[in-house]
Every structure is written in structure tokens, then in C-alpha cells.
């Protein structure tokens, strides 16, 4: 049996204890989620919050428990004699060695009971503790399992310990701390899950928005009914910016955009052409110069979506976040280069004027 020595019923499942367990679980869950989500979305404030939150909570928890600890410290502990049933050094390399004691505690006004404790004993004093020896111990009246050996008892108790003859009690008469109830573990787990879920929901736009942009677009996406775009043309360059919900990888978008830049039979040659998700930029060769260039309409636009998809899926950038296609002919033959970037760096592939891949540079 387990004796209580007049202790009150276990308080692990009281409303205050359950609320404290729920709050602790919530702080742990929110902190872990903040560290993970902050790392994914690259938010320094969120990541730092995941580190600071448990420290702040621990400080508040310590301050809130100071009155209770003060009340416990003010209670005069009970003093009793105890018989050493067993002892075993359990480690330690310093002058104080942790020793596990099996004791029979014999209070003056209560039933004897057994208890197991671990207490540091100085190497110099270790020989004073032997099986069947009698010690003076103290413990809180409401927590008889928290027994501590009195290393320097008063002369009265020292004389009593020297002359006492104690008998061991059955092992079943044992005092132990009441186990925590299942309800406390359940509410702590619930708090952990809710704390983590709250952080994920608050930053779901950043999380799932990044996942959406990381998916490689298919080769032929359906055209969007919206026609909003902005075209700016000058003597040396031209740009086309698409509206929301559209991409230059959508079927026909590049041809239409390039047509808006070369209206009226414009036959100027291009030095470079850069395509991003919603931005097309062309730098034209100046009229009357002999600079190398290429006819913009001669590019293998039909191969662009497949090249982008291959670069995003097969070059080790996981997850890919941005892509860019560059075509130029500053020297030599026409080169089409696809660059994708992500958390692990950048990777690229090069294709010739027919859209055939000739070189790959995976992420390192």
C-alpha cells in the first residue's frame, strides 16, 4: 500500500493545475511552430519569438510560484528517525556523490513507512552511512515522500539516533508522490496542438502561398479571360507587365506580348530578351549599328514552359521560388538560359536556338 501520512488528496487534476498544464502545452506548441514556420517563411521576428516566448513564460511561471514556495518554506518540517535499508552510489565525479537511499522512516506520532530518495553525500562523510544505520531526517508534513537527511542534527536528535533500535517495515508500506492524472496530460497535449495550429493559421498565407509558387507550371495552362497588361516601348527597349492571375507561361501570352512590342512591322533585332512570371523585357539593338542580335519572333517560345518545368523539377532547387528565361546573342549563336532560385541557391540550364538543352548546372 501507499500511505499518505495525513496529506491532502493529489492536486494534479485541480482546475488550476489543468489550466497551467494547458497553458504550458500551448506555449510549447506555439514556440515550436514559430521556430519551424519562421525558418520556412524566413521571418526573423517570428523565429526570435519562438526562442523568447518560452523564456518569458518560464520567468512568469517562476514569479507566479514565488508565493507558494514562500508558504512552503515557512512551514516547519517534521523531524524523525530513519533506518537505512539500502544505499547505492549512482554516479558523480565531484566531491559530492549522489547516493540512492532506501529508508524506513519512523515518525514519533505516526505509522512507519518506506521511501526511496537520492541525496548528495560528500566523499569524506560517505563512510558514516551504512546499512542498518539510523539517521535523522526531515520532511514536509503534507509531503512525506520528500525526505532529506539531516547531516548535522541537534544534540538531542543525535543522541536519539545513536541509541535507537529501529525495525524495518514491509516494502508495501511506501510513501511516494501521487502520479499525475491522465487529464493533465490530455489538456497539455491539447494546448500544444492548439498553440501550434494557431501559429500555422496566422501565417498560412505565407506558408501556402510559397507552396503555390513553388509548383512548376504545366506546359500549356489555360488562358485567363482577363486582358489587363501594361506595355511600354521606347527606341531602345520594351516591357510588358501582365495583370494578376496571368503568367507568360500561359499558352499564347508571350506571342501576344511580343506582338504588342513589334506592332507596325517593326523588324528591329533584339540584343537580350528576359521573361519572368509576369514581366517581359526586350533590349533592342540601335538602328544602323552592326551589333549582333536576333529576331525576337524567331525564339522557340513553345519550348519555354517545358524548359522552365525541367529546371524547376530536375536541378535540385527544392522548393523553387522564382524563375527567369534569358535569350541573348551578344556573341556567337543564340543562347536561351533558364535560371531558377530557391532556399538552397540557384540552378540553371542552357538551350540553343531550337530549344534543345545543351548544358545543365544543378544547385550546389
Protein backbone atom coordinates (compact mmCIF):
# COMPACT_ATOMS: atom_id res chain seq x y z
CA UNK A 1 0.00 0.00 0.00
CA UNK A 2 0.95 3.68 -0.29
CA UNK A 3 0.43 5.75 2.81
CA UNK A 4 -0.34 9.46 2.75
CA UNK A 5 0.54 10.49 6.33
CA UNK A 6 -2.38 12.90 6.50
CA UNK A 7 -1.59 14.54 3.16
CA UNK A 8 -4.41 16.14 1.22
CA UNK A 9 -5.67 14.43 -1.95
CA UNK A 10 -3.48 14.86 -5.03
CA UNK A 11 -3.88 18.27 -6.62
CA UNK A 12 -2.59 17.39 -10.11
CA UNK A 13 -6.08 17.48 -11.64
CA UNK A 14 -7.44 20.61 -9.96
CA UNK A 15 -8.75 23.35 -12.29
CA UNK A 16 -5.68 25.48 -11.60
CA UNK A 17 -3.31 22.62 -12.39
CA UNK A 18 -5.23 21.74 -15.55
CA UNK A 19 -5.21 25.37 -16.70
CA UNK A 20 -1.48 25.58 -16.01
CA UNK A 21 -0.87 22.38 -17.98
CA UNK A 22 -2.97 23.65 -20.89
CA UNK A 23 -1.11 26.96 -20.94
CA UNK A 24 2.28 25.24 -20.76
CA UNK A 25 1.35 22.97 -23.65
CA UNK A 26 0.14 25.96 -25.66
CA UNK A 27 3.40 27.85 -25.11
CA UNK A 28 5.48 24.82 -26.11
CA UNK A 29 3.39 24.21 -29.24
CA UNK A 30 3.41 27.86 -30.28
CA UNK A 31 7.16 28.15 -29.70
CA UNK A 32 7.99 25.07 -31.76
CA UNK A 33 5.64 26.14 -34.55
CA UNK A 34 7.11 29.65 -34.55
CA UNK A 35 10.62 28.24 -34.95
CA UNK A 36 9.58 25.95 -37.82
CA UNK A 37 7.32 28.43 -39.62
CA UNK A 38 9.76 31.29 -39.08
CA UNK A 39 12.50 29.23 -40.69
CA UNK A 40 10.31 28.29 -43.67
CA UNK A 41 8.99 31.78 -44.42
CA UNK A 42 12.32 33.37 -43.43
CA UNK A 43 10.73 35.64 -40.84
CA UNK A 44 13.35 36.68 -38.29
CA UNK A 45 10.84 38.24 -35.82
CA UNK A 46 8.74 35.06 -35.82
CA UNK A 47 11.81 32.84 -35.34
CA UNK A 48 13.08 35.02 -32.47
CA UNK A 49 9.59 34.94 -30.90
CA UNK A 50 9.84 31.15 -30.83
CA UNK A 51 13.00 31.48 -28.75
CA UNK A 52 11.85 34.29 -26.49
CA UNK A 53 8.32 33.03 -25.71
CA UNK A 54 9.33 30.02 -23.55
CA UNK A 55 11.91 32.12 -21.69
CA UNK A 56 9.32 34.79 -20.88
CA UNK A 57 6.77 32.15 -19.88
CA UNK A 58 9.32 30.41 -17.66
CA UNK A 59 10.12 33.68 -15.92
CA UNK A 60 6.43 34.46 -15.35
CA UNK A 61 5.84 30.91 -14.13
CA UNK A 62 8.71 31.27 -11.66
CA UNK A 63 7.45 34.61 -10.39
CA UNK A 64 3.89 33.32 -10.05
CA UNK A 65 5.13 30.38 -7.95
CA UNK A 66 7.12 32.51 -5.51
CA UNK A 67 4.24 33.00 -3.01
CA UNK A 68 3.56 29.25 -2.93
CA UNK A 69 7.24 28.47 -2.41
CA UNK A 70 7.41 31.06 0.34
CA UNK A 71 4.44 29.46 2.12
CA UNK A 72 6.02 26.03 1.82
CA UNK A 73 9.33 27.32 3.14
CA UNK A 74 7.57 28.87 6.12
CA UNK A 75 6.14 25.51 7.23
CA UNK A 76 8.34 23.88 9.86
CA UNK A 77 9.35 20.41 8.62
CA UNK A 78 8.80 17.34 10.73
CA UNK A 79 11.83 15.56 12.17
CA UNK A 80 12.02 11.80 12.55
CA UNK A 81 14.43 8.90 12.76
CA UNK A 82 15.06 6.68 9.76
CA UNK A 83 16.69 3.28 9.24
CA UNK A 84 18.96 2.78 6.23
CA UNK A 85 17.64 -0.27 4.38
CA UNK A 86 19.93 0.11 1.38
CA UNK A 87 22.22 2.64 -0.26
CA UNK A 88 23.94 2.85 -3.61
CA UNK A 89 26.17 5.48 -5.20
CA UNK A 90 24.68 6.35 -8.58
CA UNK A 91 27.45 8.44 -10.11
CA UNK A 92 29.26 11.71 -9.78
CA UNK A 93 32.86 12.74 -10.25
CA UNK A 94 32.98 15.66 -7.83
CA UNK A 95 33.44 15.66 -4.07
CA UNK A 96 29.65 15.21 -3.60
CA UNK A 97 28.38 11.81 -4.77
CA UNK A 98 24.68 11.18 -5.49
CA UNK A 99 23.57 8.28 -3.30
CA UNK A 100 20.24 6.46 -3.61
CA UNK A 101 18.88 5.53 -0.17
CA UNK A 102 16.14 3.09 0.74
CA UNK A 103 14.87 4.31 4.14
CA UNK A 104 12.36 3.26 6.76
CA UNK A 105 11.07 6.50 8.33
CA UNK A 106 9.66 6.20 11.86
CA UNK A 107 7.74 9.36 12.93
CA UNK A 108 7.08 9.87 16.63
CA UNK A 109 3.32 10.22 16.14
CA UNK A 110 2.57 8.23 13.01
CA UNK A 111 2.99 4.92 11.21
CA UNK A 112 6.40 3.99 9.88
CA UNK A 113 6.81 3.87 6.11
CA UNK A 114 9.43 3.25 3.48
CA UNK A 115 10.70 5.79 0.98
CA UNK A 116 13.39 5.97 -1.69
CA UNK A 117 15.40 9.17 -2.03
CA UNK A 118 18.59 10.37 -3.72
CA UNK A 119 20.83 12.85 -1.94
CA UNK A 120 24.38 14.13 -2.47
CA UNK A 121 26.84 12.95 0.16
CA UNK A 122 30.40 14.22 0.49
CA UNK A 123 33.06 11.60 -0.10
CA UNK A 124 34.59 12.35 3.29
CA UNK A 125 31.28 11.54 5.05
CA UNK A 126 30.31 8.56 2.93
CA UNK A 127 31.70 6.02 5.41
CA UNK A 128 29.24 7.27 8.07
CA UNK A 129 26.30 5.85 6.10
CA UNK A 130 25.92 2.08 6.36
CA UNK A 131 23.01 -0.34 6.03
CA UNK A 132 21.08 -0.72 9.32
CA UNK A 133 22.37 2.65 10.44
CA UNK A 134 19.95 5.18 11.99
CA UNK A 135 19.68 8.71 10.63
CA UNK A 136 17.83 11.89 11.45
CA UNK A 137 15.59 13.06 8.58
CA UNK A 138 13.14 15.86 7.90
CA UNK A 139 10.17 16.12 5.54
CA UNK A 140 7.19 18.43 4.94
CA UNK A 141 4.13 17.28 6.84
CA UNK A 142 1.96 17.19 3.74
CA UNK A 143 4.61 15.53 1.52
CA UNK A 144 6.20 12.68 3.45
CA UNK A 145 7.98 11.39 0.34
CA UNK A 146 10.24 14.49 0.25
CA UNK A 147 12.60 13.17 2.89
CA UNK A 148 16.00 14.81 3.35
CA UNK A 149 18.80 13.52 5.58
CA UNK A 150 19.86 15.95 8.31
CA UNK A 151 23.63 15.89 8.14
CA UNK A 152 24.15 17.90 11.35
CA UNK A 153 21.20 17.21 13.70
CA UNK A 154 20.76 18.85 17.06
CA UNK A 155 22.45 17.12 20.04
CA UNK A 156 19.08 15.78 21.22
CA UNK A 157 18.28 14.10 17.91
CA UNK A 158 21.88 12.96 17.54
CA UNK A 159 21.65 11.15 20.90
CA UNK A 160 18.32 9.59 19.92
CA UNK A 161 19.77 8.33 16.65
CA UNK A 162 22.79 6.86 18.42
CA UNK A 163 20.68 4.89 20.91
CA UNK A 164 17.68 3.97 18.72
CA UNK A 165 16.97 0.45 17.51
CA UNK A 166 14.56 0.52 14.58
CA UNK A 167 12.92 -2.35 12.74
CA UNK A 168 12.24 -2.28 9.01
CA UNK A 169 8.68 -2.15 7.75
CA UNK A 170 7.21 -4.12 4.84
CA UNK A 171 8.02 -2.78 1.40
CA UNK A 172 4.32 -2.30 0.66
CA UNK A 173 4.08 0.49 3.27
CA UNK A 174 5.70 3.01 0.96
CA UNK A 175 5.24 6.76 0.57
CA UNK A 176 5.52 8.14 -2.96
CA UNK A 177 4.47 11.25 -4.82
CA UNK A 178 0.97 10.82 -6.29
CA UNK A 179 1.18 10.17 -10.03
CA UNK A 180 -0.10 12.78 -12.42
CA UNK A 181 -3.56 12.06 -13.75
CA UNK A 182 -4.39 11.35 -17.37
CA UNK A 183 -6.46 14.54 -17.57
CA UNK A 184 -3.38 16.72 -17.05
CA UNK A 185 -1.51 15.02 -19.90
CA UNK A 186 -4.56 15.30 -22.16
CA UNK A 187 -5.06 19.02 -21.62
CA UNK A 188 -1.31 19.66 -22.04
CA UNK A 189 -1.39 17.80 -25.38
CA UNK A 190 -4.48 19.74 -26.41
CA UNK A 191 -2.76 23.03 -25.55
CA UNK A 192 0.32 22.01 -27.55
CA UNK A 193 -1.76 21.19 -30.64
CA UNK A 194 -3.83 24.37 -30.40
CA UNK A 195 -0.74 26.54 -29.89
CA UNK A 196 0.95 25.08 -32.95
CA UNK A 197 -2.24 25.34 -35.01
CA UNK A 198 -2.70 29.00 -34.06
CA UNK A 199 0.74 29.93 -35.40
CA UNK A 200 0.25 27.95 -38.60
CA UNK A 201 -3.16 29.56 -39.22
CA UNK A 202 -1.82 33.06 -38.60
CA UNK A 203 0.91 32.57 -41.21
CA UNK A 204 -0.95 30.26 -43.58
CA UNK A 205 -0.85 32.84 -46.38
CA UNK A 206 2.97 32.94 -46.32
CA UNK A 207 3.25 29.16 -45.99
CA UNK A 208 0.79 28.05 -48.63
CA UNK A 209 1.50 31.00 -50.89
CA UNK A 210 5.11 29.81 -51.10
CA UNK A 211 3.98 26.28 -51.84
CA UNK A 212 1.80 27.51 -54.69
CA UNK A 213 4.61 29.48 -56.30
CA UNK A 214 6.95 26.52 -55.90
CA UNK A 215 4.86 24.28 -58.17
CA UNK A 216 6.23 24.13 -61.71
CA UNK A 217 3.63 25.41 -64.17
CA UNK A 218 2.33 22.96 -66.78
CA UNK A 219 3.39 23.32 -70.37
CA UNK A 220 0.03 24.55 -71.58
CA UNK A 221 -2.04 26.35 -68.96
CA UNK A 222 -5.46 27.65 -69.98
CA UNK A 223 -5.62 31.29 -70.94
CA UNK A 224 -7.13 33.69 -68.42
CA UNK A 225 -10.03 35.80 -69.56
CA UNK A 226 -8.52 38.94 -68.06
CA UNK A 227 -6.70 41.10 -70.61
CA UNK A 228 -5.11 43.62 -68.25
CA UNK A 229 -1.46 44.30 -69.12
CA UNK A 230 0.88 47.28 -69.42
CA UNK A 231 3.12 47.83 -72.43
CA UNK A 232 5.94 50.39 -72.56
CA UNK A 233 8.01 50.78 -75.77
CA UNK A 234 10.93 53.09 -76.42
CA UNK A 235 13.62 53.31 -79.09
CA UNK A 236 15.96 51.02 -77.15
CA UNK A 237 13.72 48.74 -75.08
CA UNK A 238 10.25 47.47 -74.43
CA UNK A 239 8.46 45.90 -71.48
CA UNK A 240 5.13 44.15 -70.99
CA UNK A 241 3.70 43.60 -67.50
CA UNK A 242 0.80 41.19 -67.04
CA UNK A 243 -2.03 41.65 -64.57
CA UNK A 244 -2.70 39.41 -61.54
CA UNK A 245 -3.54 35.79 -62.23
CA UNK A 246 -1.66 35.62 -65.52
CA UNK A 247 1.72 34.20 -66.49
CA UNK A 248 3.95 34.33 -69.54
CA UNK A 249 3.92 30.54 -69.44
CA UNK A 250 0.22 30.60 -70.28
CA UNK A 251 -0.43 29.48 -73.84
CA UNK A 252 -0.09 32.35 -76.30
CA UNK A 253 0.87 35.04 -73.76
CA UNK A 254 4.45 35.50 -74.99
CA UNK A 255 3.40 35.74 -78.65
CA UNK A 256 0.73 38.33 -77.87
CA UNK A 257 3.10 40.37 -75.70
CA UNK A 258 5.83 40.33 -78.31
CA UNK A 259 3.34 41.34 -80.94
CA UNK A 260 2.45 44.42 -78.88
CA UNK A 261 6.16 45.36 -78.82
CA UNK A 262 6.67 44.93 -82.58
CA UNK A 263 3.48 46.43 -83.97
CA UNK A 264 3.54 48.08 -87.38
CA UNK A 265 6.06 45.69 -88.91
CA UNK A 266 8.87 46.60 -86.52
CA UNK A 267 11.80 44.47 -87.64
CA UNK A 268 14.36 45.63 -85.08
CA UNK A 269 16.69 42.97 -83.76
CA UNK A 270 16.95 42.25 -80.06
CA UNK A 271 20.13 42.06 -78.01
CA UNK A 272 18.53 40.39 -74.97
CA UNK A 273 15.09 39.19 -74.01
CA UNK A 274 14.17 38.41 -70.38
CA UNK A 275 10.96 36.62 -69.35
CA UNK A 276 9.73 36.29 -65.78
CA UNK A 277 6.36 35.18 -64.38
CA UNK A 278 4.57 38.42 -65.28
CA UNK A 279 7.29 40.59 -66.84
CA UNK A 280 8.75 40.59 -70.38
CA UNK A 281 11.71 42.86 -71.12
CA UNK A 282 13.44 43.32 -74.50
CA UNK A 283 16.55 45.38 -75.23
CA UNK A 284 16.74 46.30 -78.95
CA UNK A 285 19.86 46.89 -80.99
CA UNK A 286 20.20 50.50 -82.09
CA UNK A 287 19.30 51.18 -85.69
CA UNK A 288 22.25 51.49 -88.04
CA UNK A 289 24.64 49.51 -85.81
CA UNK A 290 26.29 46.23 -86.63
CA UNK A 291 25.77 44.75 -83.16
CA UNK A 292 24.85 41.06 -83.15
CA UNK A 293 21.27 40.25 -82.29
CA UNK A 294 18.33 38.03 -83.12
CA UNK A 295 14.80 38.33 -84.41
CA UNK A 296 12.52 38.18 -81.33
CA UNK A 297 9.85 36.23 -83.16
CA UNK A 298 12.39 33.51 -84.08
CA UNK A 299 12.73 32.30 -80.49
CA UNK A 300 11.38 28.81 -79.63
CA UNK A 301 8.59 30.15 -77.40
CA UNK A 302 6.77 26.84 -77.46
CA UNK A 303 9.69 25.24 -75.62
CA UNK A 304 9.85 27.84 -72.82
CA UNK A 305 7.27 26.19 -70.48
CA UNK A 306 8.94 22.78 -70.80
CA UNK A 307 12.39 24.27 -70.16
CA UNK A 308 11.15 26.09 -67.06
CA UNK A 309 9.43 22.95 -65.79
CA UNK A 310 12.60 20.88 -66.30
CA UNK A 311 14.73 23.48 -64.49
CA UNK A 312 12.35 23.71 -61.53
CA UNK A 313 11.84 19.97 -61.16
CA UNK A 314 15.20 18.47 -62.07
CA UNK A 315 18.03 20.71 -60.92
CA UNK A 316 17.87 20.21 -57.15
CA UNK A 317 16.23 23.50 -56.09
CA UNK A 318 13.58 22.48 -53.56
CA UNK A 319 11.32 24.29 -53.34
CA UNK A 320 11.88 26.59 -56.34
CA UNK A 321 10.58 30.11 -55.81
CA UNK A 322 11.38 32.20 -58.88
CA UNK A 323 12.32 31.51 -62.48
CA UNK A 324 13.72 33.61 -65.33
CA UNK A 325 14.32 32.90 -69.01
CA UNK A 326 17.01 34.97 -70.77
CA UNK A 327 17.71 34.89 -74.52
CA UNK A 328 20.72 36.72 -75.94
CA UNK A 329 23.14 36.73 -78.84
CA UNK A 330 25.81 39.15 -77.81
CA UNK A 331 28.47 36.93 -79.40
CA UNK A 332 28.25 33.67 -81.27
CA UNK A 333 24.98 31.77 -81.54
CA UNK A 334 21.64 32.39 -79.82
CA UNK A 335 21.51 31.11 -76.23
CA UNK A 336 18.40 30.54 -74.11
CA UNK A 337 19.17 30.34 -70.39
CA UNK A 338 16.68 29.33 -67.64
CA UNK A 339 17.58 30.21 -64.03
CA UNK A 340 15.56 29.04 -61.00
CA UNK A 341 16.22 30.11 -57.40
CA UNK A 342 15.21 28.71 -54.03
CA UNK A 343 16.38 28.37 -50.43
CA UNK A 344 19.35 26.23 -51.47
CA UNK A 345 20.63 28.65 -54.12
CA UNK A 346 20.24 28.86 -57.87
CA UNK A 347 20.42 26.41 -60.73
CA UNK A 348 20.33 26.90 -64.49
CA UNK A 349 20.17 25.20 -67.84
CA UNK A 350 21.05 26.44 -71.33
CA UNK A 351 19.37 25.63 -74.63
CA UNK A 352 20.18 26.50 -78.25
CA UNK A 353 18.07 28.46 -80.70
CA UNK A 354 15.81 25.43 -81.28
CA UNK A 355 15.09 24.95 -77.56
CA UNK A 356 17.30 21.87 -77.15
CA UNK A 357 19.08 21.66 -73.78
CA UNK A 358 22.86 21.74 -74.17
CA UNK A 359 24.07 22.37 -70.60
CA UNK A 360 22.75 21.96 -67.04
CA UNK A 361 24.11 23.49 -63.83
CA UNK A 362 22.33 21.93 -60.78
CA UNK A 363 22.14 23.66 -57.40
CA UNK A 364 25.22 23.04 -55.24
